[in-house]
């Protein structure tokens, strides 16, 4: 995995969509005390895009 995905001190519970269009996981980033949920979308070139925090409001 690229640094767009594989960063932090704790990364767990990955889920890849059946059509492989997105990847969801939870991670605890350096300097933070609680994990967040992240999502990355597959790019046209087949790589994974920048991780986005999945904010629930």
PDB file of N, CA and C in Angstrom:
ATOM      1  N   UNK A   1       0.836  -1.184   0.000  1.00  0.00           N
ATOM      2  CA  UNK A   1       0.000   0.000   0.000  1.00  0.00           C
ATOM      3  C   UNK A   1       0.878   1.243   0.000  1.00  0.00           C
ATOM      4  N   UNK A   2       0.359   2.264  -0.597  1.00  0.00           N
ATOM      5  CA  UNK A   2       1.089   3.529  -0.655  1.00  0.00           C
ATOM      6  C   UNK A   2       0.935   4.291   0.660  1.00  0.00           C
ATOM      7  N   UNK A   3       1.713   5.353   0.813  1.00  0.00           N
ATOM      8  CA  UNK A   3       1.596   6.210   1.993  1.00  0.00           C
ATOM      9  C   UNK A   3       0.234   6.886   2.068  1.00  0.00           C
ATOM     10  N   UNK A   4      -0.485   6.964   0.963  1.00  0.00           N
ATOM     11  CA  UNK A   4      -1.837   7.530   0.988  1.00  0.00           C
ATOM     12  C   UNK A   4      -2.746   6.705   1.893  1.00  0.00           C
ATOM     13  N   UNK A   5      -2.436   5.443   2.053  1.00  0.00           N
ATOM     14  CA  UNK A   5      -3.246   4.539   2.868  1.00  0.00           C
ATOM     15  C   UNK A   5      -2.514   4.111   4.131  1.00  0.00           C
ATOM     16  N   UNK A   6      -1.293   3.687   4.000  1.00  0.00           N
ATOM     17  CA  UNK A   6      -0.560   2.998   5.050  1.00  0.00           C
ATOM     18  C   UNK A   6       0.219   3.959   5.936  1.00  0.00           C
ATOM     19  N   UNK A   7      -0.489   4.778   6.716  1.00  0.00           N
ATOM     20  CA  UNK A   7       0.163   5.679   7.658  1.00  0.00           C
ATOM     21  C   UNK A   7      -0.562   5.624   8.985  1.00  0.00           C
ATOM     22  N   UNK A   8       0.162   5.884  10.068  1.00  0.00           N
ATOM     23  CA  UNK A   8      -0.429   5.883  11.398  1.00  0.00           C
ATOM     24  C   UNK A   8       0.198   4.827  12.273  1.00  0.00           C
ATOM     25  N   UNK A   9      -0.159   4.878  13.534  1.00  0.00           N
ATOM     26  CA  UNK A   9       0.403   3.909  14.480  1.00  0.00           C
ATOM     27  C   UNK A   9      -0.509   2.706  14.682  1.00  0.00           C
ATOM     28  N   UNK A  10      -1.725   2.774  14.189  1.00  0.00           N
ATOM     29  CA  UNK A  10      -2.695   1.697  14.339  1.00  0.00           C
ATOM     30  C   UNK A  10      -3.603   1.708  13.116  1.00  0.00           C
ATOM     31  N   UNK A  11      -3.587   0.644  12.351  1.00  0.00           N
ATOM     32  CA  UNK A  11      -4.429   0.531  11.156  1.00  0.00           C
ATOM     33  C   UNK A  11      -5.126  -0.821  11.223  1.00  0.00           C
ATOM     34  N   UNK A  12      -6.464  -0.827  11.079  1.00  0.00           N
ATOM     35  CA  UNK A  12      -7.180  -2.091  11.257  1.00  0.00           C
ATOM     36  C   UNK A  12      -8.483  -2.128  10.464  1.00  0.00           C
ATOM     37  N   UNK A  13      -9.057  -3.318  10.409  1.00  0.00           N
ATOM     38  CA  UNK A  13     -10.385  -3.594   9.878  1.00  0.00           C
ATOM     39  C   UNK A  13     -10.621  -3.100   8.453  1.00  0.00           C
ATOM     40  N   UNK A  14      -9.737  -3.414   7.528  1.00  0.00           N
ATOM     41  CA  UNK A  14      -9.953  -2.957   6.155  1.00  0.00           C
ATOM     42  C   UNK A  14     -11.136  -3.670   5.497  1.00  0.00           C
ATOM     43  N   UNK A  15     -11.823  -2.943   4.636  1.00  0.00           N
ATOM     44  CA  UNK A  15     -12.896  -3.508   3.835  1.00  0.00           C
ATOM     45  C   UNK A  15     -12.760  -2.946   2.426  1.00  0.00           C
ATOM     46  N   UNK A  16     -12.656  -3.819   1.451  1.00  0.00           N
ATOM     47  CA  UNK A  16     -12.605  -3.408   0.054  1.00  0.00           C
ATOM     48  C   UNK A  16     -13.959  -3.715  -0.574  1.00  0.00           C
ATOM     49  N   UNK A  17     -14.536  -2.734  -1.255  1.00  0.00           N
ATOM     50  CA  UNK A  17     -15.827  -2.911  -1.920  1.00  0.00           C
ATOM     51  C   UNK A  17     -15.755  -4.089  -2.882  1.00  0.00           C
ATOM     52  N   UNK A  18     -16.855  -4.815  -3.069  1.00  0.00           N
ATOM     53  CA  UNK A  18     -16.856  -5.949  -3.992  1.00  0.00           C
ATOM     54  C   UNK A  18     -16.357  -5.593  -5.396  1.00  0.00           C
ATOM     55  N   UNK A  19     -16.623  -4.370  -5.846  1.00  0.00           N
ATOM     56  CA  UNK A  19     -16.141  -3.970  -7.177  1.00  0.00           C
ATOM     57  C   UNK A  19     -14.762  -3.292  -7.113  1.00  0.00           C
ATOM     58  N   UNK A  20     -14.164  -3.271  -5.904  1.00  0.00           N
ATOM     59  CA  UNK A  20     -12.834  -2.706  -5.647  1.00  0.00           C
ATOM     60  C   UNK A  20     -12.743  -1.215  -5.968  1.00  0.00           C
ATOM     61  N   UNK A  21     -13.872  -0.505  -5.866  1.00  0.00           N
ATOM     62  CA  UNK A  21     -13.878   0.926  -6.162  1.00  0.00           C
ATOM     63  C   UNK A  21     -13.491   1.779  -4.960  1.00  0.00           C
ATOM     64  N   UNK A  22     -13.575   1.227  -3.758  1.00  0.00           N
ATOM     65  CA  UNK A  22     -13.172   1.964  -2.561  1.00  0.00           C
ATOM     66  C   UNK A  22     -12.680   1.018  -1.478  1.00  0.00           C
ATOM     67  N   UNK A  23     -11.951   1.580  -0.531  1.00  0.00           N
ATOM     68  CA  UNK A  23     -11.378   0.868   0.599  1.00  0.00           C
ATOM     69  C   UNK A  23     -11.715   1.670   1.849  1.00  0.00           C
ATOM     70  N   UNK A  24     -12.231   0.996   2.876  1.00  0.00           N
ATOM     71  CA  UNK A  24     -12.557   1.630   4.156  1.00  0.00           C
ATOM     72  C   UNK A  24     -11.738   0.940   5.244  1.00  0.00           C
ATOM     73  N   UNK A  25     -11.243   1.708   6.209  1.00  0.00           N
ATOM     74  CA  UNK A  25     -10.498   1.145   7.329  1.00  0.00           C
ATOM     75  C   UNK A  25     -10.538   2.131   8.493  1.00  0.00           C
ATOM     76  N   UNK A  26     -10.134   1.659   9.667  1.00  0.00           N
ATOM     77  CA  UNK A  26      -9.982   2.591  10.774  1.00  0.00           C
ATOM     78  C   UNK A  26      -8.508   2.653  11.156  1.00  0.00           C
ATOM     79  N   UNK A  27      -8.099   3.828  11.632  1.00  0.00           N
ATOM     80  CA  UNK A  27      -6.696   4.047  11.970  1.00  0.00           C
ATOM     81  C   UNK A  27      -6.573   5.101  13.051  1.00  0.00           C
ATOM     82  N   UNK A  28      -5.566   4.927  13.861  1.00  0.00           N
ATOM     83  CA  UNK A  28      -5.195   5.942  14.844  1.00  0.00           C
ATOM     84  C   UNK A  28      -3.930   6.608  14.331  1.00  0.00           C
ATOM     85  N   UNK A  29      -4.002   7.870  14.070  1.00  0.00           N
ATOM     86  CA  UNK A  29      -2.880   8.618  13.516  1.00  0.00           C
ATOM     87  C   UNK A  29      -1.895   9.016  14.604  1.00  0.00           C
ATOM     88  N   UNK A  30      -0.662   9.279  14.213  1.00  0.00           N
ATOM     89  CA  UNK A  30       0.355   9.754  15.139  1.00  0.00           C
ATOM     90  C   UNK A  30      -0.142  11.011  15.837  1.00  0.00           C
ATOM     91  N   UNK A  31      -0.001  11.070  17.158  1.00  0.00           N
ATOM     92  CA  UNK A  31      -0.404  12.235  17.919  1.00  0.00           C
ATOM     93  C   UNK A  31      -1.871  12.270  18.303  1.00  0.00           C
ATOM     94  N   UNK A  32      -2.650  11.274  17.891  1.00  0.00           N
ATOM     95  CA  UNK A  32      -4.068  11.212  18.244  1.00  0.00           C
ATOM     96  C   UNK A  32      -4.310  10.049  19.191  1.00  0.00           C
ATOM     97  N   UNK A  33      -5.388  10.124  19.965  1.00  0.00           N
ATOM     98  CA  UNK A  33      -5.663   9.090  20.963  1.00  0.00           C
ATOM     99  C   UNK A  33      -6.831   8.188  20.618  1.00  0.00           C
ATOM    100  N   UNK A  34      -7.583   8.527  19.581  1.00  0.00           N
ATOM    101  CA  UNK A  34      -8.718   7.703  19.191  1.00  0.00           C
ATOM    102  C   UNK A  34      -8.673   7.458  17.685  1.00  0.00           C
ATOM    103  N   UNK A  35      -9.118   6.291  17.250  1.00  0.00           N
ATOM    104  CA  UNK A  35      -9.123   6.018  15.809  1.00  0.00           C
ATOM    105  C   UNK A  35     -10.264   6.735  15.094  1.00  0.00           C
ATOM    106  N   UNK A  36     -10.072   6.963  13.820  1.00  0.00           N
ATOM    107  CA  UNK A  36     -11.092   7.506  12.938  1.00  0.00           C
ATOM    108  C   UNK A  36     -11.328   6.520  11.812  1.00  0.00           C
ATOM    109  N   UNK A  37     -12.427   6.696  11.091  1.00  0.00           N
ATOM    110  CA  UNK A  37     -12.731   5.862   9.931  1.00  0.00           C
ATOM    111  C   UNK A  37     -12.290   6.623   8.690  1.00  0.00           C
ATOM    112  N   UNK A  38     -11.631   5.904   7.779  1.00  0.00           N
ATOM    113  CA  UNK A  38     -11.104   6.513   6.554  1.00  0.00           C
ATOM    114  C   UNK A  38     -11.637   5.779   5.335  1.00  0.00           C
ATOM    115  N   UNK A  39     -11.651   6.496   4.215  1.00  0.00           N
ATOM    116  CA  UNK A  39     -12.058   5.914   2.938  1.00  0.00           C
ATOM    117  C   UNK A  39     -11.114   6.424   1.857  1.00  0.00           C
ATOM    118  N   UNK A  40     -10.824   5.558   0.908  1.00  0.00           N
ATOM    119  CA  UNK A  40     -10.016   5.925  -0.250  1.00  0.00           C
ATOM    120  C   UNK A  40     -10.676   5.327  -1.473  1.00  0.00           C
ATOM    121  N   UNK A  41     -10.703   6.091  -2.549  1.00  0.00           N
ATOM    122  CA  UNK A  41     -11.328   5.630  -3.781  1.00  0.00           C
ATOM    123  C   UNK A  41     -10.269   5.218  -4.794  1.00  0.00           C
ATOM    124  N   UNK A  42     -10.552   4.156  -5.533  1.00  0.00           N
ATOM    125  CA  UNK A  42      -9.654   3.685  -6.593  1.00  0.00           C
ATOM    126  C   UNK A  42      -9.609   4.737  -7.695  1.00  0.00           C
ATOM    127  N   UNK A  43      -8.410   5.070  -8.139  1.00  0.00           N
ATOM    128  CA  UNK A  43      -8.213   6.059  -9.192  1.00  0.00           C
ATOM    129  C   UNK A  43      -8.262   5.391 -10.566  1.00  0.00           C
ATOM    130  N   UNK A  44      -8.393   6.182 -11.602  1.00  0.00           N
ATOM    131  CA  UNK A  44      -8.475   5.632 -12.961  1.00  0.00           C
ATOM    132  C   UNK A  44      -7.239   4.832 -13.341  1.00  0.00           C
ATOM    133  N   UNK A  45      -6.073   5.200 -12.759  1.00  0.00           N
ATOM    134  CA  UNK A  45      -4.837   4.471 -13.071  1.00  0.00           C
ATOM    135  C   UNK A  45      -4.657   3.217 -12.217  1.00  0.00           C
ATOM    136  N   UNK A  46      -5.648   2.913 -11.349  1.00  0.00           N
ATOM    137  CA  UNK A  46      -5.604   1.711 -10.513  1.00  0.00           C
ATOM    138  C   UNK A  46      -5.016   1.930  -9.135  1.00  0.00           C
ATOM    139  N   UNK A  47      -4.427   3.088  -8.885  1.00  0.00           N
ATOM    140  CA  UNK A  47      -3.867   3.379  -7.564  1.00  0.00           C
ATOM    141  C   UNK A  47      -4.992   3.821  -6.622  1.00  0.00           C
ATOM    142  N   UNK A  48      -4.675   3.879  -5.335  1.00  0.00           N
ATOM    143  CA  UNK A  48      -5.640   4.365  -4.355  1.00  0.00           C
ATOM    144  C   UNK A  48      -5.445   5.852  -4.160  1.00  0.00           C
ATOM    145  N   UNK A  49      -6.545   6.587  -4.072  1.00  0.00           N
ATOM    146  CA  UNK A  49      -6.502   8.030  -3.873  1.00  0.00           C
ATOM    147  C   UNK A  49      -6.168   8.388  -2.444  1.00  0.00           C
ATOM    148  N   UNK A  50      -6.074   9.672  -2.204  1.00  0.00           N
ATOM    149  CA  UNK A  50      -5.775  10.192  -0.879  1.00  0.00           C
ATOM    150  C   UNK A  50      -6.828   9.725   0.116  1.00  0.00           C
ATOM    151  N   UNK A  51      -6.385   9.426   1.333  1.00  0.00           N
ATOM    152  CA  UNK A  51      -7.334   9.005   2.363  1.00  0.00           C
ATOM    153  C   UNK A  51      -8.181  10.180   2.812  1.00  0.00           C
ATOM    154  N   UNK A  52      -9.467   9.921   2.974  1.00  0.00           N
ATOM    155  CA  UNK A  52     -10.410  10.930   3.438  1.00  0.00           C
ATOM    156  C   UNK A  52     -10.991  10.461   4.756  1.00  0.00           C
ATOM    157  N   UNK A  53     -11.127  11.377   5.707  1.00  0.00           N
ATOM    158  CA  UNK A  53     -11.753  11.030   6.981  1.00  0.00           C
ATOM    159  C   UNK A  53     -13.249  10.947   6.769  1.00  0.00           C
ATOM    160  N   UNK A  54     -13.831   9.868   7.220  1.00  0.00           N
ATOM    161  CA  UNK A  54     -15.265   9.667   7.090  1.00  0.00           C
ATOM    162  C   UNK A  54     -15.917  10.280   8.325  1.00  0.00           C
ATOM    163  N   UNK A  55     -16.400  11.495   8.198  1.00  0.00           N
ATOM    164  CA  UNK A  55     -17.002  12.203   9.313  1.00  0.00           C
ATOM    165  C   UNK A  55     -18.488  11.878   9.406  1.00  0.00           C
ATOM    166  N   UNK A  56     -18.905  11.486  10.570  1.00  0.00           N
ATOM    167  CA  UNK A  56     -20.312  11.195  10.821  1.00  0.00           C
ATOM    168  C   UNK A  56     -20.868  12.334  11.651  1.00  0.00           C
ATOM    169  N   UNK A  57     -21.882  13.000  11.112  1.00  0.00           N
ATOM    170  CA  UNK A  57     -22.473  14.139  11.838  1.00  0.00           C
ATOM    171  C   UNK A  57     -23.908  13.862  12.171  1.00  0.00           C
TER     172      UNK A  57
END
